[in-house]
Protein backbone atom coordinates (compact mmCIF):
# COMPACT_ATOMS: atom_id res chain seq x y z
CA MET A 1 131.27 111.93 128.71
CA ILE A 2 128.01 112.50 126.91
CA ASP A 3 127.07 116.17 126.49
CA VAL A 4 123.19 116.44 126.91
CA LYS A 5 121.78 119.57 125.35
CA THR A 6 119.05 122.10 126.41
CA LYS A 7 116.02 122.70 124.48
CA GLU A 8 117.63 126.01 123.40
CA GLU A 9 120.63 124.25 122.08
CA ILE A 10 118.80 121.71 120.13
CA GLN A 11 116.68 124.50 118.63
CA ALA A 12 120.08 126.18 117.42
CA MET A 13 121.09 122.71 115.89
CA ARG A 14 117.79 122.44 114.28
CA GLU A 15 118.20 125.77 112.57
CA GLY A 16 121.66 124.75 111.59
CA GLY A 17 120.58 121.35 110.42
CA LYS A 18 117.82 122.65 108.17
CA LYS A 19 120.53 124.98 106.48
CA LEU A 20 122.95 122.07 106.11
CA TRP A 21 120.14 119.95 104.53
CA ARG A 22 119.19 122.63 101.91
CA ILE A 23 123.07 122.81 101.20
CA LEU A 24 123.20 118.90 100.65
CA GLN A 25 120.20 118.83 98.43
CA LYS A 26 121.71 121.53 96.25
CA LEU A 27 124.91 119.60 95.95
CA LEU A 28 123.12 116.44 95.18
CA SER A 29 121.05 118.18 92.50
CA GLU A 30 124.30 119.55 90.87
CA SER A 31 125.98 116.12 91.22
CA VAL A 32 125.62 115.09 87.43
CA VAL A 33 127.83 113.72 84.60
CA GLY A 34 130.52 116.29 83.78
CA ILE A 35 130.96 118.10 86.92
CA SER A 36 134.13 117.82 88.98
CA LEU A 37 134.37 116.92 92.72
CA GLN A 38 136.38 120.09 93.16
CA THR A 39 133.51 122.18 91.84
CA LEU A 40 131.15 120.53 94.40
CA GLU A 41 133.52 121.39 97.17
CA ASP A 42 133.79 124.98 95.94
CA HIS A 43 129.97 125.23 95.86
CA ALA A 44 129.85 123.67 99.34
CA GLN A 45 132.18 126.28 100.80
CA LYS A 46 130.11 129.06 99.22
CA TYR A 47 126.71 127.87 100.27
CA ILE A 48 127.93 127.22 103.93
CA LYS A 49 129.28 130.82 104.00
CA ASN A 50 126.10 132.19 102.53
CA GLU A 51 124.03 130.50 105.33
CA GLY A 52 126.18 132.04 107.90
CA GLY A 53 127.91 128.92 108.93
CA LEU A 54 131.50 127.42 109.03
CA PRO A 55 132.62 124.04 107.58
CA SER A 56 132.72 121.53 110.41
CA PHE A 57 135.17 119.26 108.70
CA SER A 58 137.96 121.90 108.72
CA THR A 59 137.96 121.43 112.55
CA VAL A 60 139.41 118.08 112.07
CA LYS A 61 143.19 118.16 112.25
CA GLY A 62 144.88 118.20 108.90
CA TYR A 63 141.63 118.40 107.02
CA ARG A 64 140.85 121.69 105.15
CA TRP A 65 137.71 120.83 103.10
CA ALA A 66 134.08 121.36 103.62
CA THR A 67 133.01 117.99 102.24
CA CYS A 68 134.20 114.25 101.96
CA LEU A 69 133.40 113.15 98.47
CA CYS A 70 133.59 109.42 97.67
CA ILE A 71 133.16 107.52 94.47
CA ASN A 72 132.05 103.89 94.14
CA ASP A 73 134.27 101.68 96.41
CA GLU A 74 135.29 104.67 98.52
CA VAL A 75 133.41 104.78 101.71
CA VAL A 76 134.55 107.82 103.81
CA HIS A 77 136.91 110.77 103.89
CA GLY A 78 137.39 111.27 100.16
CA ILE A 79 139.13 114.41 99.43
CA PRO A 80 137.73 116.70 96.82
CA SER A 81 139.68 116.37 93.48
CA PRO A 82 139.48 117.16 89.91
CA TYR A 83 137.79 113.94 89.10
CA ILE A 84 134.89 114.44 86.71
CA LEU A 85 131.72 112.42 87.46
CA GLN A 86 130.90 109.83 84.98
CA ASP A 87 127.54 108.21 84.16
CA GLY A 88 126.87 105.46 86.60
CA ASP A 89 129.29 106.49 89.27
CA VAL A 90 127.91 106.24 92.80
CA LEU A 91 128.75 109.42 94.82
CA THR A 92 128.59 109.88 98.54
CA ILE A 93 128.54 113.58 99.84
CA ASP A 94 129.37 113.97 103.43
CA ILE A 95 129.19 117.48 104.88
CA GLY A 96 129.07 119.25 108.24
CA MET A 97 128.36 122.80 109.27
CA ILE A 98 128.83 124.77 112.44
CA TYR A 99 126.01 127.27 113.19
CA LYS A 100 125.58 129.31 116.33
CA GLY A 101 128.43 127.20 117.72
CA PHE A 102 126.88 123.89 117.03
CA HIS A 103 127.76 121.17 114.55
CA THR A 104 125.34 119.12 112.33
CA ASP A 105 126.40 116.41 109.95
CA SER A 106 124.67 114.64 107.19
CA ALA A 107 125.59 112.45 104.17
CA TRP A 108 123.73 110.87 101.23
CA THR A 109 124.64 108.58 98.45
CA LYS A 110 123.31 108.81 94.65
CA ILE A 111 123.89 107.26 91.35
CA ILE A 112 125.29 109.76 88.88
CA SER A 113 123.57 110.34 85.55
CA THR A 114 123.44 112.64 82.54
CA PRO A 115 121.13 115.65 83.07
CA LEU A 116 117.87 115.29 81.20
CA SER A 117 118.44 118.30 78.90
CA PHE A 118 121.55 116.49 77.49
CA ARG A 119 119.95 113.25 76.85
CA PRO A 120 118.78 111.84 73.55
CA PRO A 121 115.06 111.19 72.97
CA SER A 122 114.30 108.06 74.90
CA ARG A 123 112.81 106.24 71.77
CA ASN A 124 116.33 106.37 70.38
CA LEU A 125 118.04 105.02 73.52
CA LYS A 126 118.33 101.35 74.11
CA MET A 127 119.99 100.29 77.37
CA PRO A 128 122.10 97.12 77.21
CA ASP A 129 120.75 94.42 79.57
CA GLN A 130 124.03 94.42 81.52
CA VAL A 131 123.94 98.12 82.08
CA ARG A 132 120.14 97.97 83.12
CA HIS A 133 121.00 95.14 85.54
CA ASP A 134 123.88 97.12 87.05
CA ARG A 135 121.65 100.17 87.41
CA LEU A 136 118.88 98.27 89.26
CA SER A 137 121.47 96.61 91.49
CA LYS A 138 122.82 99.99 92.53
CA GLU A 139 119.41 101.37 93.00
CA THR A 140 118.32 98.42 95.19
CA PHE A 141 121.61 98.81 97.21
CA LEU A 142 121.08 102.43 97.92
CA LYS A 143 117.19 102.01 98.70
CA ILE A 144 118.20 99.45 101.54
CA GLY A 145 120.59 102.24 102.89
CA GLU A 146 117.97 104.74 103.03
CA GLU A 147 115.37 102.46 104.59
CA THR A 148 117.86 101.26 107.20
CA LEU A 149 118.50 104.86 108.26
CA LYS A 150 114.86 105.29 108.87
CA LYS A 151 114.72 102.12 110.96
CA ALA A 152 117.77 103.16 112.86
CA ILE A 153 116.23 106.74 113.61
CA SER A 154 112.97 105.00 114.67
CA VAL A 155 114.60 103.16 117.57
CA ALA A 156 116.67 106.11 118.66
CA LYS A 157 114.41 107.33 121.49
CA ALA A 158 114.67 107.85 125.09
CA GLY A 159 114.70 104.85 127.24
CA ASN A 160 116.27 102.69 124.42
CA ARG A 161 120.08 102.13 124.11
CA VAL A 162 122.63 102.88 121.46
CA GLY A 163 122.68 99.13 120.94
CA HIS A 164 119.17 99.36 119.49
CA ILE A 165 120.43 101.72 116.83
CA SER A 166 123.39 99.41 116.00
CA GLN A 167 121.09 96.31 116.01
CA ALA A 168 118.66 97.92 113.62
CA ILE A 169 121.51 98.92 111.28
CA GLU A 170 123.26 95.54 111.17
CA GLN A 171 120.02 93.41 110.94
CA SER A 172 118.68 95.45 108.02
CA ILE A 173 121.83 95.54 106.08
CA THR A 174 122.73 91.93 106.54
CA ASP A 175 119.24 90.72 105.79
CA ALA A 176 119.51 92.33 102.40
CA GLY A 177 122.76 90.51 101.73
CA TYR A 178 125.14 93.37 102.27
CA SER A 179 127.67 94.01 104.94
CA VAL A 180 128.12 96.79 107.42
CA VAL A 181 131.46 98.53 107.80
CA ARG A 182 132.40 97.28 111.24
CA SER A 183 135.47 99.74 111.85
CA LEU A 184 133.40 102.75 111.33
CA THR A 185 130.80 104.43 113.45
CA GLY A 186 128.16 107.02 113.87
CA HIS A 187 128.59 109.43 116.76
CA GLY A 188 127.36 112.07 119.12
CA VAL A 189 127.57 115.71 117.66
CA GLY A 190 127.05 119.15 119.04
CA LYS A 191 129.66 121.55 120.38
CA THR A 192 132.21 119.52 118.62
CA LEU A 193 131.90 117.33 115.48
CA HIS A 194 132.57 114.01 117.12
CA GLU A 195 131.29 113.51 120.54
CA GLU A 196 130.38 110.46 122.68
CA PRO A 197 128.64 108.12 122.28
CA MET A 198 130.13 106.33 119.42
CA ILE A 199 127.38 104.34 117.49
CA PRO A 200 128.74 101.12 115.85
CA GLU A 201 127.27 99.77 112.73
CA TYR A 202 126.62 96.44 114.54
CA LEU A 203 125.96 95.36 118.13
CA ASP A 204 129.52 95.03 119.59
CA LYS A 205 128.56 94.06 123.14
CA PRO A 206 125.49 92.89 125.10
CA LEU A 207 122.76 95.50 124.46
CA GLU A 208 122.29 96.33 128.23
CA ARG A 209 125.84 97.38 128.36
CA THR A 210 125.56 100.08 125.67
CA PRO A 211 124.77 103.70 126.61
CA LEU A 212 121.29 104.57 127.53
CA LEU A 213 119.59 107.15 125.28
CA VAL A 214 118.15 110.08 127.10
CA SER A 215 116.30 113.37 126.34
CA GLY A 216 118.74 116.01 125.16
CA MET A 217 121.11 113.74 123.27
CA THR A 218 122.06 114.70 119.76
CA LEU A 219 123.52 111.98 117.57
CA ALA A 220 124.82 111.56 114.03
CA ILE A 221 123.41 108.29 112.94
CA GLU A 222 125.21 106.71 109.96
CA VAL A 223 124.45 103.77 107.88
CA ILE A 224 128.01 102.69 106.43
CA TYR A 225 127.90 99.53 104.20
CA ALA A 226 129.14 97.67 101.33
CA MET A 227 128.01 95.25 98.71
CA GLY A 228 130.89 93.03 99.64
CA LYS A 229 132.66 92.23 102.90
CA GLY A 230 132.81 95.47 104.48
CA ALA A 231 136.59 95.50 105.38
CA ILE A 232 138.22 98.69 104.36
CA VAL A 233 141.67 100.06 103.49
CA TYR A 234 143.38 103.24 102.64
CA SER A 235 143.00 103.30 98.91
CA LYS A 236 145.18 106.37 98.09
CA ASP A 237 148.30 108.03 99.32
CA ASP A 238 146.43 110.91 100.69
CA GLY A 239 146.16 109.60 104.29
CA TRP A 240 142.38 109.90 104.21
CA THR A 241 140.52 108.09 101.65
CA LEU A 242 139.13 104.70 102.90
CA ALA A 243 137.61 102.23 100.51
CA SER A 244 136.31 98.65 100.50
CA LYS A 245 139.22 96.18 100.57
CA ASP A 246 137.38 93.96 97.96
CA GLU A 247 136.53 97.08 95.78
CA SER A 248 132.78 96.52 96.19
CA LEU A 249 130.40 99.33 96.09
CA THR A 250 129.77 101.28 99.14
CA ALA A 251 127.34 103.87 100.50
CA VAL A 252 126.72 106.14 103.41
CA PHE A 253 123.39 107.62 104.70
CA GLU A 254 123.58 109.82 107.68
CA GLN A 255 121.26 112.37 109.66
CA THR A 256 121.62 114.37 112.76
CA ILE A 257 118.91 113.82 115.36
CA GLY A 258 117.75 115.23 118.65
CA ILE A 259 116.28 112.92 121.30
CA GLY A 260 113.29 114.49 123.12
CA GLU A 261 111.30 113.36 126.16
CA SER A 262 108.37 111.94 123.96
CA GLU A 263 109.79 111.96 120.37
CA THR A 264 112.92 112.12 118.38
CA SER A 265 113.48 114.89 115.64
CA VAL A 266 115.61 114.72 112.57
CA LEU A 267 117.55 117.97 112.75
CA THR A 268 119.03 117.69 109.39
CA GLY A 269 115.82 117.96 107.58
CA SER A 270 113.48 120.16 105.60
């Protein structure tokens, strides 16, 4: 059953979402060469507490961390570890927070690089052609994900259907030559972290049979995709970390939104 929120409830989610977005931006800015995933997790726990919130992900049975941190081919549910970030790594930070009794959820992916203060003068640095090509390839890959999320949010409005969101994600990603991860979905969010409706990364049934979007719905729209085929497997023995089966690069871009009568708002934003 889909839980439709009141205006007051959506306002509480907006307050929490702004706080969560600030936390995510701090973590992304701190994600540079030399920092460990465990340090990012420790900071996330501290920032959430300082904002008066609680970690959403710790409400998932068996999961005790505030973040999911995924590197390169890892796509979701990466457990924070002592791993030290390296130049050129692609990191996804997924984080959720409970504030005033409501969850918000957001994720972003970035390329890791050395802090400017530690770099040699640019005139002395010559980037090999292959390194330059790999970097541009990764940048293009991530740009498509950001653009796709914007397209998906633009069709998430009252009167449309969940299928419009799925269709926008699938078309944008496949048109760019990449693959959506078909076995993972976005979801409703609010009083619990995962609510109905589920939002597939592709149109899995006739559009008119997908749930209708109405005012008061709050959704965590996720763009989950890979450079390769998009099939995923458990890549570690931790029972959580999922990665691309073909070991291709993956990324996730996610925002929590609130659907109003006349417009849709991004709740996890500035």
